[in-house]
Amino acid sequence: MTHRWKAVTGSVLLIALASAAYYARFVREIAVKTVEPQNNTEVRVFGIGTVEGQIVSKVGFQVAGS
């Protein structure tokens, strides 16, 4: 094989590999399992809030740091 054919063959293989990777990453459909809804499930309530301590303490240092 001449140097030119090696370069052409390598380029074609590189393009084919890049195309296969693109297809596998962006084009191919992904199989996803779905779950059936359930009846009579337990109700849980969540909320947003603040947690505060019952006792407040002041903390300080005897010697200032450098």
C-alpha atoms as a PDB file:
ATOM      1  CA  MET A   1       0.000   0.000   0.000  1.00  0.00           C
ATOM      2  CA  THR A   2       1.178   3.461  -0.709  1.00  0.00           C
ATOM      3  CA  HIS A   3       1.221   6.222   1.837  1.00  0.00           C
ATOM      4  CA  ARG A   4      -1.792   7.857   0.188  1.00  0.00           C
ATOM      5  CA  TRP A   5      -3.983   4.739   0.510  1.00  0.00           C
ATOM      6  CA  LYS A   6      -3.034   4.373   4.174  1.00  0.00           C
ATOM      7  CA  ALA A   7      -4.051   7.973   4.820  1.00  0.00           C
ATOM      8  CA  VAL A   8      -7.366   7.556   2.970  1.00  0.00           C
ATOM      9  CA  THR A   9      -8.139   4.278   4.763  1.00  0.00           C
ATOM     10  CA  GLY A  10      -7.313   5.810   8.154  1.00  0.00           C
ATOM     11  CA  SER A  11      -9.491   8.846   7.446  1.00  0.00           C
ATOM     12  CA  VAL A  12     -12.432   6.677   6.382  1.00  0.00           C
ATOM     13  CA  LEU A  13     -12.101   4.530   9.514  1.00  0.00           C
ATOM     14  CA  LEU A  14     -11.881   7.631  11.717  1.00  0.00           C
ATOM     15  CA  ILE A  15     -15.011   9.113  10.128  1.00  0.00           C
ATOM     16  CA  ALA A  16     -16.862   5.796  10.515  1.00  0.00           C
ATOM     17  CA  LEU A  17     -15.889   5.564  14.177  1.00  0.00           C
ATOM     18  CA  ALA A  18     -16.933   9.167  14.839  1.00  0.00           C
ATOM     19  CA  SER A  19     -20.261   8.564  13.069  1.00  0.00           C
ATOM     20  CA  ALA A  20     -20.926   5.428  15.128  1.00  0.00           C
ATOM     21  CA  ALA A  21     -20.140   7.278  18.355  1.00  0.00           C
ATOM     22  CA  TYR A  22     -22.428  10.174  17.370  1.00  0.00           C
ATOM     23  CA  TYR A  23     -25.261   7.760  16.549  1.00  0.00           C
ATOM     24  CA  ALA A  24     -24.835   5.844  19.814  1.00  0.00           C
ATOM     25  CA  ARG A  25     -24.796   9.052  21.874  1.00  0.00           C
ATOM     26  CA  PHE A  26     -27.389  11.316  20.248  1.00  0.00           C
ATOM     27  CA  VAL A  27     -29.589   9.509  17.710  1.00  0.00           C
ATOM     28  CA  ARG A  28     -30.331   6.075  19.162  1.00  0.00           C
ATOM     29  CA  GLU A  29     -33.505   5.703  21.220  1.00  0.00           C
ATOM     30  CA  ILE A  30     -33.080   4.750  24.862  1.00  0.00           C
ATOM     31  CA  ALA A  31     -35.264   2.037  26.395  1.00  0.00           C
ATOM     32  CA  VAL A  32     -36.898   3.240  29.622  1.00  0.00           C
ATOM     33  CA  LYS A  33     -38.911   1.090  32.004  1.00  0.00           C
ATOM     34  CA  THR A  34     -42.121   2.690  33.252  1.00  0.00           C
ATOM     35  CA  VAL A  35     -43.933   2.029  36.510  1.00  0.00           C
ATOM     36  CA  GLU A  36     -47.667   1.658  36.957  1.00  0.00           C
ATOM     37  CA  PRO A  37     -49.311   4.128  39.375  1.00  0.00           C
ATOM     38  CA  GLN A  38     -50.265   2.735  42.778  1.00  0.00           C
ATOM     39  CA  ASN A  39     -53.515   3.250  44.673  1.00  0.00           C
ATOM     40  CA  ASN A  40     -53.980   3.799  48.412  1.00  0.00           C
ATOM     41  CA  THR A  41     -50.435   4.969  49.065  1.00  0.00           C
ATOM     42  CA  GLU A  42     -49.324   6.618  52.293  1.00  0.00           C
ATOM     43  CA  VAL A  43     -49.490  10.429  52.238  1.00  0.00           C
ATOM     44  CA  ARG A  44     -46.306  12.197  53.322  1.00  0.00           C
ATOM     45  CA  VAL A  45     -46.038  15.921  53.907  1.00  0.00           C
ATOM     46  CA  PHE A  46     -42.778  17.781  53.430  1.00  0.00           C
ATOM     47  CA  GLY A  47     -42.121  21.411  54.106  1.00  0.00           C
ATOM     48  CA  ILE A  48     -39.491  24.088  53.996  1.00  0.00           C
ATOM     49  CA  GLY A  49     -38.423  25.733  57.236  1.00  0.00           C
ATOM     50  CA  THR A  50     -35.648  26.717  59.606  1.00  0.00           C
ATOM     51  CA  VAL A  51     -34.132  24.622  62.361  1.00  0.00           C
ATOM     52  CA  GLU A  52     -33.104  26.579  65.445  1.00  0.00           C
ATOM     53  CA  GLY A  53     -31.425  25.485  68.643  1.00  0.00           C
ATOM     54  CA  GLN A  54     -33.186  25.878  71.996  1.00  0.00           C
ATOM     55  CA  ILE A  55     -30.050  27.275  73.699  1.00  0.00           C
ATOM     56  CA  VAL A  56     -27.889  30.010  72.154  1.00  0.00           C
ATOM     57  CA  SER A  57     -24.171  29.943  73.001  1.00  0.00           C
ATOM     58  CA  LYS A  58     -21.532  32.526  72.170  1.00  0.00           C
ATOM     59  CA  VAL A  59     -18.197  31.082  71.095  1.00  0.00           C
ATOM     60  CA  GLY A  60     -15.024  33.173  70.916  1.00  0.00           C
ATOM     61  CA  PHE A  61     -11.245  32.919  71.049  1.00  0.00           C
ATOM     62  CA  GLN A  62      -8.890  34.082  73.789  1.00  0.00           C
ATOM     63  CA  VAL A  63      -6.075  34.950  71.371  1.00  0.00           C
ATOM     64  CA  ALA A  64      -6.582  36.465  67.956  1.00  0.00           C
ATOM     65  CA  GLY A  65      -5.230  34.488  65.022  1.00  0.00           C
ATOM     66  CA  SER A  66      -2.690  35.795  62.548  1.00  0.00           C
END
